[in-house]
Amino acid sequence: TKANIYDLLTWFNANYKRKLIYYAQGERFCIQTLEGTMCAPLGDYIII
């Protein structure tokens, strides 16, 4: 969500080896997964 963008980045990158990247243009988070780079726009979820 817009409300948790920076907290999510900070928390995720401190706790997981695969880094989460936020692209402000298009407002989406992208992560390197086992299947390649995948993105989650605002409103979608990230599963651990």
ModelCIF file with pLDDT and N, C-alpha, C, O atoms, coordinates in Angstrom:
data_MODEL
#
_entry.id   MODEL 
#
_entity.id                         1 
_entity.type                       polymer 
_entity.pdbx_number_of_molecules   1 
#
_entity_poly.entity_id                      1 
_entity_poly.type                           'polypeptide(L)' 
_entity_poly.nstd_linkage                   no 
_entity_poly.nstd_monomer                   no 
_entity_poly.pdbx_seq_one_letter_code       TKANIYDLLTWFNANYKRKLIYYAQGERFCIQTLEGTMCAPLGDYIII 
_entity_poly.pdbx_seq_one_letter_code_can   TKANIYDLLTWFNANYKRKLIYYAQGERFCIQTLEGTMCAPLGDYIII 
_entity_poly.pdbx_strand_id                 A 
#
loop_
_entity_poly_seq.entity_id 
_entity_poly_seq.num 
_entity_poly_seq.mon_id 
_entity_poly_seq.hetero 
1 1  THR n 
1 2  LYS n 
1 3  ALA n 
1 4  ASN n 
1 5  ILE n 
1 6  TYR n 
1 7  ASP n 
1 8  LEU n 
1 9  LEU n 
1 10 THR n 
1 11 TRP n 
1 12 PHE n 
1 13 ASN n 
1 14 ALA n 
1 15 ASN n 
1 16 TYR n 
1 17 LYS n 
1 18 ARG n 
1 19 LYS n 
1 20 LEU n 
1 21 ILE n 
1 22 TYR n 
1 23 TYR n 
1 24 ALA n 
1 25 GLN n 
1 26 GLY n 
1 27 GLU n 
1 28 ARG n 
1 29 PHE n 
1 30 CYS n 
1 31 ILE n 
1 32 GLN n 
1 33 THR n 
1 34 LEU n 
1 35 GLU n 
1 36 GLY n 
1 37 THR n 
1 38 MET n 
1 39 CYS n 
1 40 ALA n 
1 41 PRO n 
1 42 LEU n 
1 43 GLY n 
1 44 ASP n 
1 45 TYR n 
1 46 ILE n 
1 47 ILE n 
1 48 ILE n 
#
_struct_asym.id          A 
_struct_asym.entity_id   1 
#
loop_
_ma_qa_metric.id 
_ma_qa_metric.mode 
_ma_qa_metric.name 
_ma_qa_metric.software_group_id 
_ma_qa_metric.type 
1 global pLDDT . pLDDT 
2 local  pLDDT . pLDDT 
#
_ma_qa_metric_global.metric_id      1 
_ma_qa_metric_global.metric_value   82.92 
_ma_qa_metric_global.model_id       1 
_ma_qa_metric_global.ordinal_id     1 
#
loop_
_ma_qa_metric_local.label_asym_id 
_ma_qa_metric_local.label_comp_id 
_ma_qa_metric_local.label_seq_id 
_ma_qa_metric_local.metric_id 
_ma_qa_metric_local.metric_value 
_ma_qa_metric_local.model_id 
_ma_qa_metric_local.ordinal_id 
A THR 1  2 89.00 1 1  
A LYS 2  2 85.00 1 2  
A ALA 3  2 90.00 1 3  
A ASN 4  2 87.00 1 4  
A ILE 5  2 83.00 1 5  
A TYR 6  2 84.00 1 6  
A ASP 7  2 88.00 1 7  
A LEU 8  2 84.00 1 8  
A LEU 9  2 83.00 1 9  
A THR 10 2 86.00 1 10 
A TRP 11 2 84.00 1 11 
A PHE 12 2 82.00 1 12 
A ASN 13 2 80.00 1 13 
A ALA 14 2 84.00 1 14 
A ASN 15 2 81.00 1 15 
A TYR 16 2 76.00 1 16 
A LYS 17 2 69.00 1 17 
A ARG 18 2 65.00 1 18 
A LYS 19 2 71.00 1 19 
A LEU 20 2 74.00 1 20 
A ILE 21 2 78.00 1 21 
A TYR 22 2 75.00 1 22 
A TYR 23 2 76.00 1 23 
A ALA 24 2 69.00 1 24 
A GLN 25 2 70.00 1 25 
A GLY 26 2 74.00 1 26 
A GLU 27 2 81.00 1 27 
A ARG 28 2 82.00 1 28 
A PHE 29 2 83.00 1 29 
A CYS 30 2 85.00 1 30 
A ILE 31 2 84.00 1 31 
A GLN 32 2 80.00 1 32 
A THR 33 2 82.00 1 33 
A LEU 34 2 79.00 1 34 
A GLU 35 2 85.00 1 35 
A GLY 36 2 86.00 1 36 
A THR 37 2 87.00 1 37 
A MET 38 2 89.00 1 38 
A CYS 39 2 89.00 1 39 
A ALA 40 2 89.00 1 40 
A PRO 41 2 90.00 1 41 
A LEU 42 2 91.00 1 42 
A GLY 43 2 93.00 1 43 
A ASP 44 2 94.00 1 44 
A TYR 45 2 94.00 1 45 
A ILE 46 2 91.00 1 46 
A ILE 47 2 91.00 1 47 
A ILE 48 2 88.00 1 48 
#
loop_
_atom_site.group_PDB 
_atom_site.id 
_atom_site.type_symbol 
_atom_site.label_atom_id 
_atom_site.label_alt_id 
_atom_site.label_comp_id 
_atom_site.label_asym_id 
_atom_site.label_entity_id 
_atom_site.label_seq_id 
_atom_site.pdbx_PDB_ins_code 
_atom_site.Cartn_x 
_atom_site.Cartn_y 
_atom_site.Cartn_z 
_atom_site.occupancy 
_atom_site.B_iso_or_equiv 
_atom_site.pdbx_formal_charge 
_atom_site.auth_seq_id 
_atom_site.auth_comp_id 
_atom_site.auth_asym_id 
_atom_site.auth_atom_id 
_atom_site.pdbx_PDB_model_num 
ATOM 1   N N  . THR A 1 1  ? 0.843  -1.198  0.000   1.00 89.00 ? 1  THR A N  1 
ATOM 2   C CA . THR A 1 1  ? 0.000  0.000   0.000   1.00 89.00 ? 1  THR A CA 1 
ATOM 3   C C  . THR A 1 1  ? 0.880  1.250   0.000   1.00 89.00 ? 1  THR A C  1 
ATOM 4   O O  . THR A 1 1  ? 2.072  1.177   0.297   1.00 89.00 ? 1  THR A O  1 
ATOM 5   N N  . LYS A 1 2  ? 0.287  2.389   -0.333  1.00 85.00 ? 2  LYS A N  1 
ATOM 6   C CA . LYS A 1 2  ? 1.031  3.653   -0.260  1.00 85.00 ? 2  LYS A CA 1 
ATOM 7   C C  . LYS A 1 2  ? 1.474  3.938   1.168   1.00 85.00 ? 2  LYS A C  1 
ATOM 8   O O  . LYS A 1 2  ? 2.551  4.493   1.386   1.00 85.00 ? 2  LYS A O  1 
ATOM 9   N N  . ALA A 1 3  ? 0.659  3.565   2.133   1.00 90.00 ? 3  ALA A N  1 
ATOM 10  C CA . ALA A 1 3  ? 0.944  3.864   3.538   1.00 90.00 ? 3  ALA A CA 1 
ATOM 11  C C  . ALA A 1 3  ? 2.136  3.068   4.075   1.00 90.00 ? 3  ALA A C  1 
ATOM 12  O O  . ALA A 1 3  ? 2.806  3.520   5.004   1.00 90.00 ? 3  ALA A O  1 
ATOM 13  N N  . ASN A 1 4  ? 2.413  1.881   3.502   1.00 87.00 ? 4  ASN A N  1 
ATOM 14  C CA . ASN A 1 4  ? 3.500  1.070   4.060   1.00 87.00 ? 4  ASN A CA 1 
ATOM 15  C C  . ASN A 1 4  ? 4.721  0.946   3.159   1.00 87.00 ? 4  ASN A C  1 
ATOM 16  O O  . ASN A 1 4  ? 5.591  0.113   3.414   1.00 87.00 ? 4  ASN A O  1 
ATOM 17  N N  . ILE A 1 5  ? 4.801  1.752   2.121   1.00 83.00 ? 5  ILE A N  1 
ATOM 18  C CA . ILE A 1 5  ? 5.874  1.635   1.139   1.00 83.00 ? 5  ILE A CA 1 
ATOM 19  C C  . ILE A 1 5  ? 7.264  1.603   1.785   1.00 83.00 ? 5  ILE A C  1 
ATOM 20  O O  . ILE A 1 5  ? 8.015  0.649   1.582   1.00 83.00 ? 5  ILE A O  1 
ATOM 21  N N  . TYR A 1 6  ? 7.601  2.609   2.542   1.00 84.00 ? 6  TYR A N  1 
ATOM 22  C CA . TYR A 1 6  ? 8.966  2.705   3.072   1.00 84.00 ? 6  TYR A CA 1 
ATOM 23  C C  . TYR A 1 6  ? 9.198  1.732   4.225   1.00 84.00 ? 6  TYR A C  1 
ATOM 24  O O  . TYR A 1 6  ? 10.294 1.186   4.353   1.00 84.00 ? 6  TYR A O  1 
ATOM 25  N N  . ASP A 1 7  ? 8.191  1.506   5.066   1.00 88.00 ? 7  ASP A N  1 
ATOM 26  C CA . ASP A 1 7  ? 8.328  0.521   6.136   1.00 88.00 ? 7  ASP A CA 1 
ATOM 27  C C  . ASP A 1 7  ? 8.507  -0.879  5.547   1.00 88.00 ? 7  ASP A C  1 
ATOM 28  O O  . ASP A 1 7  ? 9.307  -1.670  6.047   1.00 88.00 ? 7  ASP A O  1 
ATOM 29  N N  . LEU A 1 8  ? 7.767  -1.176  4.495   1.00 84.00 ? 8  LEU A N  1 
ATOM 30  C CA . LEU A 1 8  ? 7.870  -2.478  3.837   1.00 84.00 ? 8  LEU A CA 1 
ATOM 31  C C  . LEU A 1 8  ? 9.262  -2.671  3.239   1.00 84.00 ? 8  LEU A C  1 
ATOM 32  O O  . LEU A 1 8  ? 9.861  -3.734  3.402   1.00 84.00 ? 8  LEU A O  1 
ATOM 33  N N  . LEU A 1 9  ? 9.776  -1.665  2.555   1.00 83.00 ? 9  LEU A N  1 
ATOM 34  C CA . LEU A 1 9  ? 11.125 -1.747  1.988   1.00 83.00 ? 9  LEU A CA 1 
ATOM 35  C C  . LEU A 1 9  ? 12.167 -1.998  3.073   1.00 83.00 ? 9  LEU A C  1 
ATOM 36  O O  . LEU A 1 9  ? 13.009 -2.888  2.945   1.00 83.00 ? 9  LEU A O  1 
ATOM 37  N N  . THR A 1 10 ? 12.104 -1.208  4.140   1.00 86.00 ? 10 THR A N  1 
ATOM 38  C CA . THR A 1 10 ? 13.068 -1.320  5.225   1.00 86.00 ? 10 THR A CA 1 
ATOM 39  C C  . THR A 1 10 ? 12.995 -2.691  5.884   1.00 86.00 ? 10 THR A C  1 
ATOM 40  O O  . THR A 1 10 ? 14.018 -3.347  6.081   1.00 86.00 ? 10 THR A O  1 
ATOM 41  N N  . TRP A 1 11 ? 11.778 -3.123  6.227   1.00 84.00 ? 11 TRP A N  1 
ATOM 42  C CA . TRP A 1 11 ? 11.593 -4.406  6.900   1.00 84.00 ? 11 TRP A CA 1 
ATOM 43  C C  . TRP A 1 11 ? 12.037 -5.567  6.015   1.00 84.00 ? 11 TRP A C  1 
ATOM 44  O O  . TRP A 1 11 ? 12.779 -6.443  6.457   1.00 84.00 ? 11 TRP A O  1 
ATOM 45  N N  . PHE A 1 12 ? 11.584 -5.570  4.774   1.00 82.00 ? 12 PHE A N  1 
ATOM 46  C CA . PHE A 1 12 ? 11.868 -6.682  3.878   1.00 82.00 ? 12 PHE A CA 1 
ATOM 47  C C  . PHE A 1 12 ? 13.363 -6.799  3.614   1.00 82.00 ? 12 PHE A C  1 
ATOM 48  O O  . PHE A 1 12 ? 13.924 -7.892  3.696   1.00 82.00 ? 12 PHE A O  1 
ATOM 49  N N  . ASN A 1 13 ? 14.006 -5.694  3.301   1.00 80.00 ? 13 ASN A N  1 
ATOM 50  C CA . ASN A 1 13 ? 15.424 -5.736  2.960   1.00 80.00 ? 13 ASN A CA 1 
ATOM 51  C C  . ASN A 1 13 ? 16.304 -6.068  4.165   1.00 80.00 ? 13 ASN A C  1 
ATOM 52  O O  . ASN A 1 13 ? 17.426 -6.542  3.990   1.00 80.00 ? 13 ASN A O  1 
ATOM 53  N N  . ALA A 1 14 ? 15.819 -5.828  5.373   1.00 84.00 ? 14 ALA A N  1 
ATOM 54  C CA . ALA A 1 14 ? 16.571 -6.190  6.577   1.00 84.00 ? 14 ALA A CA 1 
ATOM 55  C C  . ALA A 1 14 ? 16.388 -7.662  6.940   1.00 84.00 ? 14 ALA A C  1 
ATOM 56  O O  . ALA A 1 14 ? 17.231 -8.229  7.636   1.00 84.00 ? 14 ALA A O  1 
ATOM 57  N N  . ASN A 1 15 ? 15.299 -8.294  6.479   1.00 81.00 ? 15 ASN A N  1 
ATOM 58  C CA . ASN A 1 15 ? 14.963 -9.652  6.917   1.00 81.00 ? 15 ASN A CA 1 
ATOM 59  C C  . ASN A 1 15 ? 15.099 -10.748 5.867   1.00 81.00 ? 15 ASN A C  1 
ATOM 60  O O  . ASN A 1 15 ? 15.051 -11.929 6.213   1.00 81.00 ? 15 ASN A O  1 
ATOM 61  N N  . TYR A 1 16 ? 15.264 -10.399 4.610   1.00 76.00 ? 16 TYR A N  1 
ATOM 62  C CA . TYR A 1 16 ? 15.303 -11.401 3.559   1.00 76.00 ? 16 TYR A CA 1 
ATOM 63  C C  . TYR A 1 16 ? 16.482 -11.174 2.634   1.00 76.00 ? 16 TYR A C  1 
ATOM 64  O O  . TYR A 1 16 ? 16.853 -10.037 2.346   1.00 76.00 ? 16 TYR A O  1 
ATOM 65  N N  . LYS A 1 17 ? 17.073 -12.282 2.169   1.00 69.00 ? 17 LYS A N  1 
ATOM 66  C CA . LYS A 1 17 ? 18.241 -12.194 1.300   1.00 69.00 ? 17 LYS A CA 1 
ATOM 67  C C  . LYS A 1 17 ? 17.904 -11.583 -0.054  1.00 69.00 ? 17 LYS A C  1 
ATOM 68  O O  . LYS A 1 17 ? 18.711 -10.856 -0.634  1.00 69.00 ? 17 LYS A O  1 
ATOM 69  N N  . ARG A 1 18 ? 16.731 -11.875 -0.543  1.00 65.00 ? 18 ARG A N  1 
ATOM 70  C CA . ARG A 1 18 ? 16.317 -11.316 -1.832  1.00 65.00 ? 18 ARG A CA 1 
ATOM 71  C C  . ARG A 1 18 ? 15.771 -9.910  -1.597  1.00 65.00 ? 18 ARG A C  1 
ATOM 72  O O  . ARG A 1 18 ? 14.805 -9.727  -0.857  1.00 65.00 ? 18 ARG A O  1 
ATOM 73  N N  . LYS A 1 19 ? 16.378 -8.951  -2.212  1.00 71.00 ? 19 LYS A N  1 
ATOM 74  C CA . LYS A 1 19 ? 16.016 -7.560  -1.957  1.00 71.00 ? 19 LYS A CA 1 
ATOM 75  C C  . LYS A 1 19 ? 14.756 -7.159  -2.715  1.00 71.00 ? 19 LYS A C  1 
ATOM 76  O O  . LYS A 1 19 ? 14.500 -7.610  -3.832  1.00 71.00 ? 19 LYS A O  1 
ATOM 77  N N  . LEU A 1 20 ? 13.996 -6.312  -2.078  1.00 74.00 ? 20 LEU A N  1 
ATOM 78  C CA . LEU A 1 20 ? 12.789 -5.748  -2.663  1.00 74.00 ? 20 LEU A CA 1 
ATOM 79  C C  . LEU A 1 20 ? 13.149 -4.372  -3.203  1.00 74.00 ? 20 LEU A C  1 
ATOM 80  O O  . LEU A 1 20 ? 13.821 -3.595  -2.526  1.00 74.00 ? 20 LEU A O  1 
ATOM 81  N N  . ILE A 1 21 ? 12.713 -4.071  -4.402  1.00 78.00 ? 21 ILE A N  1 
ATOM 82  C CA . ILE A 1 21 ? 12.993 -2.773  -5.021  1.00 78.00 ? 21 ILE A CA 1 
ATOM 83  C C  . ILE A 1 21 ? 11.669 -2.084  -5.294  1.00 78.00 ? 21 ILE A C  1 
ATOM 84  O O  . ILE A 1 21 ? 10.725 -2.711  -5.774  1.00 78.00 ? 21 ILE A O  1 
ATOM 85  N N  . TYR A 1 22 ? 11.597 -0.793  -4.988  1.00 75.00 ? 22 TYR A N  1 
ATOM 86  C CA . TYR A 1 22 ? 10.376 -0.028  -5.238  1.00 75.00 ? 22 TYR A CA 1 
ATOM 87  C C  . TYR A 1 22 ? 10.601 0.892   -6.423  1.00 75.00 ? 22 TYR A C  1 
ATOM 88  O O  . TYR A 1 22 ? 11.577 1.640   -6.465  1.00 75.00 ? 22 TYR A O  1 
ATOM 89  N N  . TYR A 1 23 ? 9.696  0.833   -7.379  1.00 76.00 ? 23 TYR A N  1 
ATOM 90  C CA . TYR A 1 23 ? 9.731  1.734   -8.526  1.00 76.00 ? 23 TYR A CA 1 
ATOM 91  C C  . TYR A 1 23 ? 8.611  2.749   -8.354  1.00 76.00 ? 23 TYR A C  1 
ATOM 92  O O  . TYR A 1 23 ? 7.434  2.413   -8.486  1.00 76.00 ? 23 TYR A O  1 
ATOM 93  N N  . ALA A 1 24 ? 8.979  3.988   -8.061  1.00 69.00 ? 24 ALA A N  1 
ATOM 94  C CA . ALA A 1 24 ? 7.975  5.026   -7.830  1.00 69.00 ? 24 ALA A CA 1 
ATOM 95  C C  . ALA A 1 24 ? 7.131  5.250   -9.083  1.00 69.00 ? 24 ALA A C  1 
ATOM 96  O O  . ALA A 1 24 ? 5.919  5.447   -8.994  1.00 69.00 ? 24 ALA A O  1 
ATOM 97  N N  . GLN A 1 25 ? 7.766  5.220   -10.229 1.00 70.00 ? 25 GLN A N  1 
ATOM 98  C CA . GLN A 1 25 ? 7.009  5.368   -11.468 1.00 70.00 ? 25 GLN A CA 1 
ATOM 99  C C  . GLN A 1 25 ? 6.278  4.057   -11.711 1.00 70.00 ? 25 GLN A C  1 
ATOM 100 O O  . GLN A 1 25 ? 6.908  3.023   -11.935 1.00 70.00 ? 25 GLN A O  1 
ATOM 101 N N  . GLY A 1 26 ? 4.982  4.095   -11.667 1.00 74.00 ? 26 GLY A N  1 
ATOM 102 C CA . GLY A 1 26 ? 4.182  2.883   -11.787 1.00 74.00 ? 26 GLY A CA 1 
ATOM 103 C C  . GLY A 1 26 ? 3.828  2.301   -10.438 1.00 74.00 ? 26 GLY A C  1 
ATOM 104 O O  . GLY A 1 26 ? 3.045  1.354   -10.359 1.00 74.00 ? 26 GLY A O  1 
ATOM 105 N N  . GLU A 1 27 ? 4.394  2.852   -9.371  1.00 81.00 ? 27 GLU A N  1 
ATOM 106 C CA . GLU A 1 27 ? 4.117  2.449   -7.989  1.00 81.00 ? 27 GLU A CA 1 
ATOM 107 C C  . GLU A 1 27 ? 4.018  0.935   -7.843  1.00 81.00 ? 27 GLU A C  1 
ATOM 108 O O  . GLU A 1 27 ? 2.933  0.384   -7.658  1.00 81.00 ? 27 GLU A O  1 
ATOM 109 N N  . ARG A 1 28 ? 5.163  0.280   -7.931  1.00 82.00 ? 28 ARG A N  1 
ATOM 110 C CA . ARG A 1 28 ? 5.174  -1.171  -7.778  1.00 82.00 ? 28 ARG A CA 1 
ATOM 111 C C  . ARG A 1 28 ? 6.471  -1.609  -7.105  1.00 82.00 ? 28 ARG A C  1 
ATOM 112 O O  . ARG A 1 28 ? 7.511  -0.963  -7.231  1.00 82.00 ? 28 ARG A O  1 
ATOM 113 N N  . PHE A 1 29 ? 6.377  -2.718  -6.391  1.00 83.00 ? 29 PHE A N  1 
ATOM 114 C CA . PHE A 1 29 ? 7.533  -3.351  -5.779  1.00 83.00 ? 29 PHE A CA 1 
ATOM 115 C C  . PHE A 1 29 ? 7.942  -4.510  -6.676  1.00 83.00 ? 29 PHE A C  1 
ATOM 116 O O  . PHE A 1 29 ? 7.087  -5.221  -7.203  1.00 83.00 ? 29 PHE A O  1 
ATOM 117 N N  . CYS A 1 30 ? 9.223  -4.701  -6.847  1.00 85.00 ? 30 CYS A N  1 
ATOM 118 C CA . CYS A 1 30 ? 9.715  -5.838  -7.627  1.00 85.00 ? 30 CYS A CA 1 
ATOM 119 C C  . CYS A 1 30 ? 10.710 -6.617  -6.788  1.00 85.00 ? 30 CYS A C  1 
ATOM 120 O O  . CYS A 1 30 ? 11.474 -6.048  -6.009  1.00 85.00 ? 30 CYS A O  1 
ATOM 121 N N  . ILE A 1 31 ? 10.684 -7.924  -6.961  1.00 84.00 ? 31 ILE A N  1 
ATOM 122 C CA . ILE A 1 31 ? 11.550 -8.812  -6.195  1.00 84.00 ? 31 ILE A CA 1 
ATOM 123 C C  . ILE A 1 31 ? 12.102 -9.888  -7.113  1.00 84.00 ? 31 ILE A C  1 
ATOM 124 O O  . ILE A 1 31 ? 11.428 -10.346 -8.036  1.00 84.00 ? 31 ILE A O  1 
ATOM 125 N N  . GLN A 1 32 ? 13.328 -10.280 -6.847  1.00 80.00 ? 32 GLN A N  1 
ATOM 126 C CA . GLN A 1 32 ? 13.935 -11.379 -7.587  1.00 80.00 ? 32 GLN A CA 1 
ATOM 127 C C  . GLN A 1 32 ? 13.434 -12.678 -6.959  1.00 80.00 ? 32 GLN A C  1 
ATOM 128 O O  . GLN A 1 32 ? 13.741 -12.966 -5.802  1.00 80.00 ? 32 GLN A O  1 
ATOM 129 N N  . THR A 1 33 ? 12.673 -13.456 -7.707  1.00 82.00 ? 33 THR A N  1 
ATOM 130 C CA . THR A 1 33 ? 12.128 -14.720 -7.217  1.00 82.00 ? 33 THR A CA 1 
ATOM 131 C C  . THR A 1 33 ? 12.864 -15.881 -7.883  1.00 82.00 ? 33 THR A C  1 
ATOM 132 O O  . THR A 1 33 ? 13.749 -15.666 -8.711  1.00 82.00 ? 33 THR A O  1 
ATOM 133 N N  . LEU A 1 34 ? 12.501 -17.099 -7.525  1.00 79.00 ? 34 LEU A N  1 
ATOM 134 C CA . LEU A 1 34 ? 13.095 -18.269 -8.153  1.00 79.00 ? 34 LEU A CA 1 
ATOM 135 C C  . LEU A 1 34 ? 12.757 -18.340 -9.641  1.00 79.00 ? 34 LEU A C  1 
ATOM 136 O O  . LEU A 1 34 ? 13.481 -18.971 -10.412 1.00 79.00 ? 34 LEU A O  1 
ATOM 137 N N  . GLU A 1 35 ? 11.668 -17.700 -10.045 1.00 85.00 ? 35 GLU A N  1 
ATOM 138 C CA . GLU A 1 35 ? 11.240 -17.704 -11.448 1.00 85.00 ? 35 GLU A CA 1 
ATOM 139 C C  . GLU A 1 35 ? 11.683 -16.452 -12.200 1.00 85.00 ? 35 GLU A C  1 
ATOM 140 O O  . GLU A 1 35 ? 11.327 -16.279 -13.366 1.00 85.00 ? 35 GLU A O  1 
ATOM 141 N N  . GLY A 1 36 ? 12.452 -15.577 -11.556 1.00 86.00 ? 36 GLY A N  1 
ATOM 142 C CA . GLY A 1 36 ? 12.879 -14.324 -12.184 1.00 86.00 ? 36 GLY A CA 1 
ATOM 143 C C  . GLY A 1 36 ? 12.290 -13.137 -11.456 1.00 86.00 ? 36 GLY A C  1 
ATOM 144 O O  . GLY A 1 36 ? 11.682 -13.294 -10.397 1.00 86.00 ? 36 GLY A O  1 
ATOM 145 N N  . THR A 1 37 ? 12.464 -11.947 -12.014 1.00 87.00 ? 37 THR A N  1 
ATOM 146 C CA . THR A 1 37 ? 11.954 -10.734 -11.386 1.00 87.00 ? 37 THR A CA 1 
ATOM 147 C C  . THR A 1 37 ? 10.445 -10.648 -11.563 1.00 87.00 ? 37 THR A C  1 
ATOM 148 O O  . THR A 1 37 ? 9.934  -10.758 -12.677 1.00 87.00 ? 37 THR A O  1 
ATOM 149 N N  . MET A 1 38 ? 9.735  -10.449 -10.450 1.00 89.00 ? 38 MET A N  1 
ATOM 150 C CA . MET A 1 38 ? 8.278  -10.320 -10.485 1.00 89.00 ? 38 MET A CA 1 
ATOM 151 C C  . MET A 1 38 ? 7.896  -9.061  -9.724  1.00 89.00 ? 38 MET A C  1 
ATOM 152 O O  . MET A 1 38 ? 8.548  -8.696  -8.746  1.00 89.00 ? 38 MET A O  1 
ATOM 153 N N  . CYS A 1 39 ? 6.833  -8.396  -10.179 1.00 89.00 ? 39 CYS A N  1 
ATOM 154 C CA . CYS A 1 39 ? 6.430  -7.129  -9.574  1.00 89.00 ? 39 CYS A CA 1 
ATOM 155 C C  . CYS A 1 39 ? 5.032  -7.199  -8.976  1.00 89.00 ? 39 CYS A C  1 
ATOM 156 O O  . CYS A 1 39 ? 4.175  -7.956  -9.431  1.00 89.00 ? 39 CYS A O  1 
ATOM 157 N N  . ALA A 1 40 ? 4.825  -6.387  -7.940  1.00 89.00 ? 40 ALA A N  1 
ATOM 158 C CA . ALA A 1 40 ? 3.527  -6.284  -7.271  1.00 89.00 ? 40 ALA A CA 1 
ATOM 159 C C  . ALA A 1 40 ? 3.131  -4.807  -7.236  1.00 89.00 ? 40 ALA A C  1 
ATOM 160 O O  . ALA A 1 40 ? 3.740  -4.024  -6.507  1.00 89.00 ? 40 ALA A O  1 
ATOM 161 N N  . PRO A 1 41 ? 2.128  -4.422  -8.006  1.00 90.00 ? 41 PRO A N  1 
ATOM 162 C CA . PRO A 1 41 ? 1.644  -3.048  -7.914  1.00 90.00 ? 41 PRO A CA 1 
ATOM 163 C C  . PRO A 1 41 ? 0.900  -2.820  -6.602  1.00 90.00 ? 41 PRO A C  1 
ATOM 164 O O  . PRO A 1 41 ? 0.579  -3.770  -5.887  1.00 90.00 ? 41 PRO A O  1 
ATOM 165 N N  . LEU A 1 42 ? 0.633  -1.571  -6.297  1.00 91.00 ? 42 LEU A N  1 
ATOM 166 C CA . LEU A 1 42 ? -0.121 -1.247  -5.079  1.00 91.00 ? 42 LEU A CA 1 
ATOM 167 C C  . LEU A 1 42 ? -1.409 -2.053  -5.039  1.00 91.00 ? 42 LEU A C  1 
ATOM 168 O O  . LEU A 1 42 ? -2.098 -2.185  -6.050  1.00 91.00 ? 42 LEU A O  1 
ATOM 169 N N  . GLY A 1 43 ? -1.731 -2.588  -3.875  1.00 93.00 ? 43 GLY A N  1 
ATOM 170 C CA . GLY A 1 43 ? -2.950 -3.378  -3.695  1.00 93.00 ? 43 GLY A CA 1 
ATOM 171 C C  . GLY A 1 43 ? -2.704 -4.871  -3.738  1.00 93.00 ? 43 GLY A C  1 
ATOM 172 O O  . GLY A 1 43 ? -3.464 -5.641  -3.150  1.00 93.00 ? 43 GLY A O  1 
ATOM 173 N N  . ASP A 1 44 ? -1.641 -5.299  -4.433  1.00 94.00 ? 44 ASP A N  1 
ATOM 174 C CA . ASP A 1 44 ? -1.306 -6.721  -4.475  1.00 94.00 ? 44 ASP A CA 1 
ATOM 175 C C  . ASP A 1 44 ? -0.584 -7.109  -3.191  1.00 94.00 ? 44 ASP A C  1 
ATOM 176 O O  . ASP A 1 44 ? -0.308 -6.258  -2.346  1.00 94.00 ? 44 ASP A O  1 
ATOM 177 N N  . TYR A 1 45 ? -0.281 -8.386  -3.048  1.00 94.00 ? 45 TYR A N  1 
ATOM 178 C CA . TYR A 1 45 ? 0.358  -8.908  -1.841  1.00 94.00 ? 45 TYR A CA 1 
ATOM 179 C C  . TYR A 1 45 ? 1.718  -9.497  -2.172  1.00 94.00 ? 45 TYR A C  1 
ATOM 180 O O  . TYR A 1 45 ? 1.996  -9.871  -3.312  1.00 94.00 ? 45 TYR A O  1 
ATOM 181 N N  . ILE A 1 46 ? 2.551  -9.570  -1.154  1.00 91.00 ? 46 ILE A N  1 
ATOM 182 C CA . ILE A 1 46 ? 3.801  -10.307 -1.236  1.00 91.00 ? 46 ILE A CA 1 
ATOM 183 C C  . ILE A 1 46 ? 3.686  -11.437 -0.223  1.00 91.00 ? 46 ILE A C  1 
ATOM 184 O O  . ILE A 1 46 ? 3.420  -11.208 0.956   1.00 91.00 ? 46 ILE A O  1 
ATOM 185 N N  . ILE A 1 47 ? 3.890  -12.660 -0.702  1.00 91.00 ? 47 ILE A N  1 
ATOM 186 C CA . ILE A 1 47 ? 3.804  -13.855 0.134   1.00 91.00 ? 47 ILE A CA 1 
ATOM 187 C C  . ILE A 1 47 ? 5.220  -14.263 0.533   1.00 91.00 ? 47 ILE A C  1 
ATOM 188 O O  . ILE A 1 47 ? 6.136  -14.252 -0.289  1.00 91.00 ? 47 ILE A O  1 
ATOM 189 N N  . ILE A 1 48 ? 5.384  -14.618 1.794   1.00 88.00 ? 48 ILE A N  1 
ATOM 190 C CA . ILE A 1 48 ? 6.630  -15.210 2.274   1.00 88.00 ? 48 ILE A CA 1 
ATOM 191 C C  . ILE A 1 48 ? 6.310  -16.679 2.529   1.00 88.00 ? 48 ILE A C  1 
ATOM 192 O O  . ILE A 1 48 ? 7.185  -17.437 2.946   1.00 88.00 ? 48 ILE A O  1 
#
